[in-house]
Amino acid sequence: MSQPFNHQRRRFVGLAAGTLAAVRFGNAGTADAQTKAGPAQIPAIKPGTNISLGPLKQVDAGVLNVGYAEAGPAGGPVVILLHGWPYDIHSYADVAPLLASAGYRVIIPHLRGYGTTRFRSGEAIRSGQPVAVATDIIALIDALRIEKATLGGYDWGARTANIMAALRPERCKAMVSVSGYLIGSQQAGRMPLPPKAELEWWYQFYFATERGRAGYDKYRHDFARLIWQIASPQWRFDDATFERSAAALDNPDHVDIVIHNYRWRLGLAEGEPKFDDFEKQLGQAPVISVPTITMEGDANGAPHPDASVYGKKFSGKYEHRLIKGGIGHNLPQEAPQAFAQAIVDIAEG
């Protein structure tokens, strides 16, 4: 789940209205996203309309053989969509055809430890270090001979996009980041929080134990369903929707990746030395210059920072959008039209 830069938390919010609000930080004041016309208007779609992303492709990229879905014209501007934990590429089953119909080449990879993505060597470190995941995506666009792409993500995917935009801005045309600025560090992760805030990170402490590792391994589908329910308390997903994504968690490296990720955040696991220089840069909480729209659902039950605290972390064109109507943590799957529209607006605006 998302670990915020400043560790602030928001309470549960459940609003019934199905509207979208946008707030622009800086000197621009407030903007109404419903009246602000983007370069192209994404049509309405009922969430859950599409259940398949079609046959997956595989490509060797860096230390991985990456499984990914692709949609849209091969010559279109590229959008890379990045999923979170414990979800998978089906978070974008509705977003992908919307963007493809608008002329975009859409690529949705399984992150390391998910789905059909595999390490190319049995000796490779099964690291969940966030910068390692970001490096995977750089390797992927290198392998696909993509010079620059618009990035979109939530949860682990948003953090991955943030890190890419901070370290390799020349490869990022624009970005949509759910829950805003999510770059953290081990030093920040060691800072204690008030008890109520710590409670929201219960699973991180569980994963710090060997009992937690064994429990997650044994009950990973049950665990994922519980997280889905907590993180999106108003999302009424059915069993088929859940099982399509939960299958990706059966990857043989999944448990190792997840456990290492959360232990690394607390400083309980070492990172890879080859990333030390990158971690020094990220530890400074670098400002992101890539044009960005941040988004938040009004009923996100997962730990996440308040939008008011991270606007200044984006120095380029920037906008924040609050998506109302009981939208939770998995925003692309719960509000695909709003997410796809944000991609088009920032990519073409």
Protein backbone atom coordinates (compact mmCIF):
# COMPACT_ATOMS: atom_id res chain seq x y z
CA MET A 1 0.00 0.00 0.00
CA SER A 2 1.07 3.61 -0.36
CA GLN A 3 3.62 4.96 2.10
CA PRO A 4 3.33 8.76 2.11
CA PHE A 5 6.26 11.18 2.08
CA ASN A 6 5.22 12.93 5.27
CA HIS A 7 3.29 10.06 6.87
CA GLN A 8 0.13 12.09 7.32
CA ARG A 9 -3.08 10.10 7.25
CA ARG A 10 -6.63 10.79 6.26
CA ARG A 11 -9.76 9.37 7.78
CA PHE A 12 -12.37 7.38 5.90
CA VAL A 13 -14.62 9.55 3.76
CA GLY A 14 -17.73 8.22 2.07
CA LEU A 15 -19.63 10.65 -0.09
CA ALA A 16 -22.55 9.65 -2.26
CA ALA A 17 -22.21 12.31 -4.93
CA GLY A 18 -20.75 11.11 -8.22
CA THR A 19 -18.83 14.25 -9.14
CA LEU A 20 -15.20 15.04 -9.86
CA ALA A 21 -13.48 18.04 -8.34
CA ALA A 22 -10.10 19.48 -9.25
CA VAL A 23 -7.83 21.72 -7.21
CA ARG A 24 -4.76 23.35 -8.70
CA PHE A 25 -2.01 24.30 -6.28
CA GLY A 26 0.11 27.40 -6.64
CA ASN A 27 -0.99 30.71 -8.10
CA ALA A 28 -3.67 29.27 -10.34
CA GLY A 29 -6.23 28.99 -7.55
CA THR A 30 -9.13 26.57 -8.01
CA ALA A 31 -10.20 24.90 -11.23
CA ASP A 32 -13.35 22.94 -12.01
CA ALA A 33 -12.36 19.71 -13.77
CA GLN A 34 -15.87 19.21 -15.08
CA THR A 35 -15.77 22.43 -17.08
CA LYS A 36 -12.07 22.37 -17.98
CA ALA A 37 -12.04 20.87 -21.46
CA GLY A 38 -9.15 18.55 -22.16
CA PRO A 39 -7.64 17.88 -25.58
CA ALA A 40 -9.92 14.83 -25.95
CA GLN A 41 -12.96 13.75 -23.98
CA ILE A 42 -13.01 10.19 -22.70
CA PRO A 43 -16.48 8.59 -23.00
CA ALA A 44 -18.37 7.31 -19.99
CA ILE A 45 -17.90 3.66 -19.09
CA LYS A 46 -19.41 1.47 -16.39
CA PRO A 47 -16.60 0.13 -14.20
CA GLY A 48 -16.18 -3.58 -14.80
CA THR A 49 -17.32 -3.45 -18.43
CA ASN A 50 -14.11 -5.13 -19.59
CA ILE A 51 -12.79 -8.23 -17.86
CA SER A 52 -9.86 -9.14 -20.12
CA LEU A 53 -6.73 -7.42 -21.38
CA GLY A 54 -6.18 -10.02 -24.08
CA PRO A 55 -3.18 -12.32 -24.54
CA LEU A 56 -0.08 -11.21 -22.67
CA LYS A 57 3.30 -10.58 -24.25
CA GLN A 58 6.71 -11.37 -22.74
CA VAL A 59 9.99 -9.51 -23.16
CA ASP A 60 13.43 -9.77 -21.57
CA ALA A 61 14.13 -6.49 -19.79
CA GLY A 62 17.00 -6.09 -17.35
CA VAL A 63 16.89 -8.81 -14.68
CA LEU A 64 13.35 -9.80 -15.63
CA ASN A 65 11.31 -11.46 -18.30
CA VAL A 66 8.31 -9.13 -18.09
CA GLY A 67 4.74 -10.14 -18.80
CA TYR A 68 2.65 -7.26 -20.08
CA ALA A 69 -0.61 -6.41 -21.79
CA GLU A 70 -0.66 -4.04 -24.75
CA ALA A 71 -3.48 -2.16 -26.45
CA GLY A 72 -3.84 0.56 -29.05
CA PRO A 73 -1.92 1.49 -32.18
CA ALA A 74 1.77 0.57 -32.28
CA GLY A 75 2.67 4.06 -33.45
CA GLY A 76 0.63 5.95 -30.86
CA PRO A 77 2.05 7.97 -27.98
CA VAL A 78 3.00 5.54 -25.22
CA VAL A 79 1.33 5.24 -21.83
CA ILE A 80 2.76 2.89 -19.18
CA LEU A 81 0.23 1.91 -16.51
CA LEU A 82 1.56 0.51 -13.22
CA HIS A 83 -0.46 -1.49 -10.72
CA GLY A 84 -0.20 -1.68 -6.95
CA TRP A 85 -0.22 -4.25 -4.14
CA PRO A 86 -2.09 -6.56 -3.76
CA TYR A 87 -3.64 -5.96 -7.19
CA ASP A 88 -2.53 -6.60 -10.76
CA ILE A 89 -2.83 -5.41 -14.35
CA HIS A 90 -6.63 -5.94 -14.35
CA SER A 91 -6.90 -2.64 -12.47
CA TYR A 92 -6.63 -1.15 -15.97
CA ALA A 93 -9.02 -3.46 -17.83
CA ASP A 94 -11.39 -0.54 -18.49
CA VAL A 95 -8.75 2.20 -18.73
CA ALA A 96 -6.75 0.47 -21.48
CA PRO A 97 -9.48 0.35 -24.15
CA LEU A 98 -10.47 3.93 -23.39
CA LEU A 99 -6.93 5.14 -24.01
CA ALA A 100 -6.47 2.82 -27.00
CA SER A 101 -9.57 4.27 -28.64
CA ALA A 102 -8.05 7.74 -28.14
CA GLY A 103 -4.99 6.66 -30.12
CA TYR A 104 -2.56 5.71 -27.35
CA ARG A 105 -0.27 2.72 -27.24
CA VAL A 106 -0.96 1.34 -23.77
CA ILE A 107 1.46 -0.99 -21.99
CA ILE A 108 0.55 -2.58 -18.65
CA PRO A 109 3.32 -4.69 -17.09
CA HIS A 110 3.12 -7.12 -14.23
CA LEU A 111 5.58 -5.78 -11.65
CA ARG A 112 8.29 -8.09 -10.33
CA GLY A 113 6.68 -10.83 -8.27
CA TYR A 114 3.33 -10.71 -10.10
CA GLY A 115 1.66 -12.67 -12.86
CA THR A 116 3.86 -13.94 -15.66
CA THR A 117 6.85 -11.73 -14.84
CA ARG A 118 9.86 -13.83 -13.84
CA PHE A 119 13.49 -13.29 -12.89
CA ARG A 120 15.81 -14.37 -15.65
CA SER A 121 18.28 -15.86 -13.18
CA GLY A 122 17.74 -18.02 -10.15
CA GLU A 123 20.59 -16.12 -8.50
CA ALA A 124 18.96 -12.68 -8.83
CA ILE A 125 18.09 -10.93 -5.57
CA ARG A 126 14.35 -11.06 -4.94
CA SER A 127 14.29 -7.45 -3.85
CA GLY A 128 11.19 -5.36 -3.34
CA GLN A 129 13.21 -2.15 -2.94
CA PRO A 130 11.12 0.59 -4.63
CA VAL A 131 14.01 1.91 -6.71
CA ALA A 132 14.59 -1.61 -8.03
CA VAL A 133 10.99 -1.74 -9.23
CA ALA A 134 11.43 1.63 -10.95
CA THR A 135 14.61 0.38 -12.60
CA ASP A 136 12.58 -2.55 -13.96
CA ILE A 137 10.30 -0.15 -15.83
CA ILE A 138 13.23 1.79 -17.27
CA ALA A 139 14.61 -1.54 -18.49
CA LEU A 140 11.20 -2.38 -19.97
CA ILE A 141 10.91 0.80 -22.02
CA ASP A 142 14.52 0.31 -23.13
CA ALA A 143 13.69 -3.23 -24.27
CA LEU A 144 10.63 -1.98 -26.14
CA ARG A 145 12.68 0.87 -27.66
CA ILE A 146 10.44 3.54 -26.19
CA GLU A 147 12.15 6.88 -25.77
CA LYS A 148 9.59 8.57 -23.56
CA ALA A 149 6.23 7.61 -22.04
CA THR A 150 3.41 9.04 -19.98
CA LEU A 151 3.22 7.17 -16.67
CA GLY A 152 0.14 6.35 -14.65
CA GLY A 153 -0.08 4.47 -11.38
CA TYR A 154 -1.50 3.98 -7.91
CA ASP A 155 -0.01 2.45 -4.77
CA TRP A 156 3.30 0.73 -5.66
CA GLY A 157 2.70 1.84 -9.23
CA ALA A 158 2.43 5.51 -8.28
CA ARG A 159 5.60 5.28 -6.19
CA THR A 160 7.38 3.63 -9.11
CA ALA A 161 6.25 6.40 -11.44
CA ASN A 162 7.34 9.05 -8.93
CA ILE A 163 10.81 7.55 -8.65
CA MET A 164 11.17 7.33 -12.42
CA ALA A 165 10.06 10.94 -12.81
CA ALA A 166 12.53 12.08 -10.15
CA LEU A 167 15.55 10.09 -11.35
CA ARG A 168 14.95 9.87 -15.10
CA PRO A 169 12.67 12.79 -16.05
CA GLU A 170 13.92 12.71 -19.65
CA ARG A 171 12.13 9.36 -20.09
CA CYS A 172 8.82 10.64 -18.70
CA LYS A 173 6.53 12.83 -20.80
CA ALA A 174 3.92 13.27 -18.06
CA MET A 175 2.51 11.46 -15.05
CA VAL A 176 -0.75 10.64 -13.28
CA SER A 177 -0.12 9.65 -9.67
CA VAL A 178 -2.88 8.46 -7.35
CA SER A 179 -2.31 9.63 -3.77
CA GLY A 180 0.28 12.14 -4.91
CA TYR A 181 3.94 12.18 -3.92
CA LEU A 182 5.00 8.80 -2.56
CA ILE A 183 8.79 8.89 -2.59
CA GLY A 184 10.07 7.76 0.79
CA SER A 185 13.29 6.56 2.39
CA GLN A 186 14.47 4.17 5.07
CA GLN A 187 15.34 7.13 7.27
CA ALA A 188 11.77 8.45 7.06
CA GLY A 189 10.40 4.94 7.59
CA ARG A 190 12.20 4.65 10.92
CA MET A 191 10.39 7.67 12.38
CA PRO A 192 7.63 6.64 14.80
CA LEU A 193 4.08 7.82 14.17
CA PRO A 194 1.21 8.46 16.57
CA PRO A 195 -0.52 5.21 17.60
CA LYS A 196 -3.59 5.75 15.42
CA ALA A 197 -1.40 6.24 12.35
CA GLU A 198 0.72 3.20 13.21
CA LEU A 199 -2.46 1.12 13.44
CA GLU A 200 -3.16 1.77 9.77
CA TRP A 201 0.17 0.11 8.95
CA TRP A 202 -0.65 -3.09 10.87
CA TYR A 203 0.31 -5.33 7.94
CA GLN A 204 3.75 -3.75 7.71
CA PHE A 205 4.51 -4.82 11.27
CA TYR A 206 3.01 -8.26 10.59
CA PHE A 207 5.33 -8.68 7.62
CA ALA A 208 8.29 -7.78 9.83
CA THR A 209 7.92 -11.16 11.54
CA GLU A 210 8.55 -14.67 10.26
CA ARG A 211 5.02 -15.53 11.34
CA GLY A 212 3.85 -12.75 9.03
CA ARG A 213 5.83 -14.14 6.12
CA ALA A 214 4.39 -17.62 6.68
CA GLY A 215 0.89 -16.24 7.14
CA TYR A 216 1.01 -14.19 3.97
CA ASP A 217 2.36 -17.14 2.03
CA LYS A 218 -0.37 -19.45 3.32
CA TYR A 219 -3.28 -17.01 3.12
CA ARG A 220 -2.22 -14.60 0.38
CA HIS A 221 -5.63 -14.59 -1.38
CA ASP A 222 -7.51 -14.09 1.88
CA PHE A 223 -5.04 -11.40 2.85
CA ALA A 224 -5.46 -9.59 -0.47
CA ARG A 225 -9.25 -9.68 -0.23
CA LEU A 226 -9.08 -8.13 3.23
CA ILE A 227 -6.81 -5.34 1.98
CA TRP A 228 -9.14 -4.66 -0.95
CA GLN A 229 -12.07 -4.33 1.47
CA ILE A 230 -10.22 -2.04 3.88
CA ALA A 231 -8.67 0.12 1.17
CA SER A 232 -11.89 0.52 -0.83
CA PRO A 233 -14.72 0.18 1.72
CA GLN A 234 -17.45 1.25 -0.72
CA TRP A 235 -16.27 -0.78 -3.74
CA ARG A 236 -18.63 -3.72 -4.28
CA PHE A 237 -16.35 -5.96 -6.32
CA ASP A 238 -17.52 -9.50 -7.03
CA ASP A 239 -15.65 -12.78 -6.58
CA ALA A 240 -14.78 -13.07 -10.27
CA THR A 241 -13.21 -9.60 -10.30
CA PHE A 242 -11.12 -10.43 -7.26
CA GLU A 243 -10.00 -13.85 -8.46
CA ARG A 244 -8.83 -12.49 -11.83
CA SER A 245 -6.34 -10.28 -10.02
CA ALA A 246 -5.55 -12.63 -7.13
CA ALA A 247 -4.20 -15.20 -9.58
CA ALA A 248 -1.24 -12.87 -10.20
CA LEU A 249 -0.21 -13.26 -6.55
CA ASP A 250 0.62 -16.91 -7.12
CA ASN A 251 3.90 -15.87 -8.76
CA PRO A 252 6.72 -17.88 -7.11
CA ASP A 253 8.62 -14.71 -6.15
CA HIS A 254 5.62 -12.76 -4.88
CA VAL A 255 6.00 -13.37 -1.15
CA ASP A 256 9.73 -12.66 -1.16
CA ILE A 257 9.20 -9.38 -3.04
CA VAL A 258 6.39 -8.15 -0.80
CA ILE A 259 8.08 -9.08 2.48
CA HIS A 260 11.36 -7.49 1.41
CA ASN A 261 9.58 -4.30 0.33
CA TYR A 262 7.90 -3.71 3.67
CA ARG A 263 10.88 -4.78 5.75
CA TRP A 264 13.12 -2.49 3.69
CA ARG A 265 10.85 0.45 4.44
CA LEU A 266 11.35 -0.11 8.18
CA GLY A 267 15.09 -0.56 7.79
CA LEU A 268 14.82 -4.24 8.67
CA ALA A 269 16.18 -5.45 5.32
CA GLU A 270 19.13 -4.24 3.27
CA GLY A 271 18.78 -2.76 -0.18
CA GLU A 272 21.00 -3.57 -3.13
CA PRO A 273 24.30 -1.64 -2.96
CA LYS A 274 24.10 -0.74 -6.65
CA PHE A 275 21.17 1.53 -5.81
CA ASP A 276 22.87 3.41 -2.97
CA ASP A 277 23.49 6.59 -4.99
CA PHE A 278 19.88 6.63 -6.13
CA GLU A 279 18.70 6.19 -2.54
CA LYS A 280 20.76 9.20 -1.48
CA GLN A 281 18.96 11.28 -4.10
CA LEU A 282 15.54 9.95 -3.14
CA GLY A 283 16.28 10.50 0.55
CA GLN A 284 16.33 14.23 -0.19
CA ALA A 285 12.68 14.04 -1.32
CA PRO A 286 13.44 15.54 -4.73
CA VAL A 287 11.00 17.86 -6.44
CA ILE A 288 9.44 16.38 -9.60
CA SER A 289 9.51 18.56 -12.71
CA VAL A 290 7.49 16.23 -14.96
CA PRO A 291 3.95 17.54 -15.75
CA THR A 292 1.67 15.78 -13.27
CA ILE A 293 -1.92 15.27 -12.25
CA THR A 294 -2.36 13.75 -8.81
CA MET A 295 -5.63 12.07 -7.91
CA GLU A 296 -7.42 10.81 -4.84
CA GLY A 297 -10.62 8.91 -4.21
CA ASP A 298 -12.95 10.34 -1.59
CA ALA A 299 -13.24 6.96 0.17
CA ASN A 300 -9.64 5.77 0.15
CA GLY A 301 -9.28 3.60 3.25
CA ALA A 302 -5.54 2.99 2.80
CA PRO A 303 -2.88 5.16 4.46
CA HIS A 304 -2.15 8.12 2.22
CA PRO A 305 -1.02 11.74 2.53
CA ASP A 306 -3.38 14.68 2.35
CA ALA A 307 -3.20 16.47 -1.00
CA SER A 308 -2.53 19.82 0.66
CA VAL A 309 0.94 18.74 1.81
CA TYR A 310 2.51 17.54 -1.43
CA GLY A 311 1.54 20.09 -4.09
CA LYS A 312 4.87 21.87 -3.78
CA LYS A 313 6.73 18.65 -4.62
CA PHE A 314 5.74 19.16 -8.26
CA SER A 315 7.44 22.08 -10.02
CA GLY A 316 6.05 21.58 -13.53
CA LYS A 317 2.49 21.80 -14.76
CA TYR A 318 0.42 20.38 -11.93
CA GLU A 319 -3.15 19.69 -10.93
CA HIS A 320 -4.87 17.68 -8.21
CA ARG A 321 -8.22 15.96 -8.71
CA LEU A 322 -10.50 14.57 -6.05
CA ILE A 323 -12.76 11.81 -7.41
CA LYS A 324 -16.03 11.60 -5.52
CA GLY A 325 -18.67 8.91 -5.30
CA GLY A 326 -17.19 6.45 -2.80
CA ILE A 327 -13.99 5.84 -4.77
CA GLY A 328 -11.34 3.94 -2.88
CA HIS A 329 -7.68 3.07 -3.19
CA ASN A 330 -7.81 1.21 -6.52
CA LEU A 331 -8.88 4.33 -8.37
CA PRO A 332 -8.22 3.20 -11.98
CA GLN A 333 -10.50 0.19 -11.59
CA GLU A 334 -13.15 1.98 -9.56
CA ALA A 335 -13.21 5.19 -11.66
CA PRO A 336 -11.70 4.28 -15.06
CA GLN A 337 -13.14 7.20 -17.00
CA ALA A 338 -11.72 9.76 -14.56
CA PHE A 339 -8.30 8.09 -14.59
CA ALA A 340 -8.15 7.80 -18.38
CA GLN A 341 -9.24 11.43 -18.74
CA ALA A 342 -6.43 12.53 -16.45
CA ILE A 343 -3.92 10.64 -18.62
CA VAL A 344 -5.18 12.37 -21.77
CA ASP A 345 -5.33 15.78 -20.14
CA ILE A 346 -1.78 15.73 -18.81
CA ALA A 347 -0.31 14.01 -21.87
CA GLU A 348 -1.86 16.43 -24.35
CA GLY A 349 -2.51 19.52 -22.30
